[in-house]
N, C-alpha and C. Protein backbone atom coordinates (compact mmCIF):
# COMPACT_ATOMS: atom_id res chain seq x y z
N MET A 1 58.21 23.99 129.37
CA MET A 1 58.71 24.70 127.99
C MET A 1 59.59 23.96 127.62
N THR A 2 59.41 23.52 126.52
CA THR A 2 60.60 22.66 125.77
C THR A 2 61.86 23.27 125.20
N ARG A 3 62.87 22.37 124.76
CA ARG A 3 64.18 23.08 124.45
C ARG A 3 63.68 24.19 123.05
N ARG A 4 62.88 23.59 122.39
CA ARG A 4 62.51 24.21 121.00
C ARG A 4 62.04 25.57 121.38
N ASP A 5 61.07 25.72 122.29
CA ASP A 5 60.36 26.79 122.84
C ASP A 5 61.37 27.97 123.21
N PHE A 6 62.41 27.34 123.98
CA PHE A 6 63.35 28.41 124.67
C PHE A 6 64.20 28.87 123.38
N LEU A 7 64.70 27.87 122.44
CA LEU A 7 65.38 28.62 121.35
C LEU A 7 64.66 29.51 120.53
N GLY A 8 63.44 29.38 120.41
CA GLY A 8 62.48 30.40 119.67
C GLY A 8 62.60 31.58 120.32
N PHE A 9 62.33 31.59 121.56
CA PHE A 9 62.33 32.75 122.36
C PHE A 9 63.78 33.44 122.53
N PHE A 10 64.55 32.69 122.57
CA PHE A 10 66.03 33.27 122.44
C PHE A 10 66.49 33.84 121.22
N LEU A 11 66.24 33.18 120.07
CA LEU A 11 66.32 34.23 118.78
C LEU A 11 65.48 35.22 118.66
N LEU A 12 64.50 34.96 118.81
CA LEU A 12 63.29 36.14 118.93
C LEU A 12 63.94 37.40 119.79
N GLY A 13 64.36 37.18 120.98
CA GLY A 13 64.85 38.03 121.62
C GLY A 13 66.20 38.68 121.22
N GLY A 14 67.10 37.82 120.54
CA GLY A 14 68.28 38.45 119.92
C GLY A 14 67.86 39.30 118.64
N LEU A 15 66.97 39.01 117.78
CA LEU A 15 66.65 39.79 116.79
C LEU A 15 66.30 41.21 117.09
N LEU A 16 65.18 40.88 118.07
CA LEU A 16 64.71 42.46 118.71
C LEU A 16 65.62 43.07 119.23
N GLY A 17 66.81 42.61 119.85
CA GLY A 17 67.78 43.41 120.72
C GLY A 17 68.52 44.05 119.41
N LEU A 18 68.98 43.37 118.30
CA LEU A 18 69.67 43.91 117.21
C LEU A 18 69.03 44.94 116.70
N LEU A 19 67.81 44.80 116.51
CA LEU A 19 66.86 45.87 115.81
C LEU A 19 66.88 47.00 116.64
N GLY A 20 66.48 46.85 117.95
CA GLY A 20 66.63 48.12 118.73
C GLY A 20 67.97 48.86 118.81
N LYS A 21 69.09 47.93 118.62
CA LYS A 21 70.32 48.64 118.72
C LYS A 21 70.58 49.42 117.32
N LYS A 22 70.13 48.66 116.35
CA LYS A 22 70.04 49.52 114.83
C LYS A 22 69.43 50.93 114.92
N ILE A 23 68.28 50.80 115.56
CA ILE A 23 67.21 51.95 115.64
C ILE A 23 68.00 53.12 116.31
N SER A 24 68.35 52.66 117.75
CA SER A 24 68.75 53.71 118.63
C SER A 24 70.18 54.35 118.01
N GLY A 25 70.63 53.41 117.13
CA GLY A 25 72.07 54.11 116.52
C GLY A 25 71.78 55.00 115.39
N LYS A 26 70.76 54.65 114.79
CA LYS A 26 70.51 55.60 113.65
C LYS A 26 69.80 57.05 114.27
N LYS A 27 69.07 57.17 115.42
CA LYS A 27 68.75 58.03 116.10
C LYS A 27 69.67 59.08 116.52
N ILE A 28 70.82 58.26 117.20
CA ILE A 28 71.85 58.99 117.73
C ILE A 28 72.79 59.80 116.59
N ASN A 29 72.93 59.03 115.45
CA ASN A 29 73.56 59.59 114.43
C ASN A 29 72.96 60.66 113.64
N ALA A 30 71.59 60.60 113.45
CA ALA A 30 70.85 61.61 113.13
C ALA A 30 70.83 62.90 113.83
N GLY A 31 70.94 62.56 115.19
CA GLY A 31 71.13 63.79 116.36
C GLY A 31 72.37 64.69 115.94
N LYS A 32 73.42 63.75 115.81
CA LYS A 32 74.84 64.57 115.61
C LYS A 32 74.81 65.11 114.36
N GLU A 33 74.08 64.70 113.15
CA GLU A 33 74.14 65.21 111.92
C GLU A 33 73.23 66.71 112.10
N GLN A 34 72.01 66.36 112.72
CA GLN A 34 71.18 67.70 112.95
C GLN A 34 72.06 68.96 113.64
N LYS A 35 72.83 68.35 114.66
CA LYS A 35 73.71 69.64 115.36
C LYS A 35 74.59 69.80 114.42
N GLY A 36 75.29 69.03 113.59
CA GLY A 36 76.11 69.89 112.61
C GLY A 36 75.63 70.80 111.54
N LYS A 37 74.49 70.36 111.07
CA LYS A 37 73.85 71.18 110.24
C LYS A 37 73.47 72.58 110.97
N GLU A 38 73.13 72.65 112.51
CA GLU A 38 72.63 73.75 112.83
C GLU A 38 74.02 74.75 113.20
N ALA A 39 75.12 73.93 113.51
CA ALA A 39 76.41 74.70 113.56
C ALA A 39 76.67 75.30 112.28
N MET A 40 76.51 74.81 111.20
CA MET A 40 76.90 75.27 109.79
C MET A 40 76.03 76.61 109.58
N PHE A 41 74.71 76.45 110.10
CA PHE A 41 73.78 77.24 109.62
C PHE A 41 74.19 78.83 110.41
N TRP A 42 74.40 78.32 111.61
CA TRP A 42 74.93 79.56 112.60
C TRP A 42 75.93 80.27 111.90
N ARG A 43 77.10 79.51 111.56
CA ARG A 43 78.12 79.91 110.77
C ARG A 43 78.08 81.04 109.62
N LYS A 44 77.05 80.26 108.78
CA LYS A 44 76.79 81.18 107.57
C LYS A 44 75.82 82.26 108.04
N ALA A 45 75.11 82.33 109.10
CA ALA A 45 74.38 83.42 109.50
C ALA A 45 75.17 84.29 110.04
N ASP A 46 76.42 84.14 110.77
CA ASP A 46 77.33 85.13 111.43
C ASP A 46 77.93 85.55 110.20
N GLU A 47 78.40 85.05 109.27
CA GLU A 47 79.04 85.72 108.24
C GLU A 47 78.16 86.69 107.24
N ALA A 48 76.91 86.31 107.22
CA ALA A 48 76.18 87.29 106.33
C ALA A 48 75.93 88.58 107.19
């Protein structure tokens, strides 16, 4: 394996790692928003 191959794999791994973090971050945020919406819904349901 040459230095160039290693660099290519390293960059590819870094990009995939960043993409993975972004995707998991979005999923976590979406989960929090969903819980917030559910809480609002139940508050409105209780008031009605």
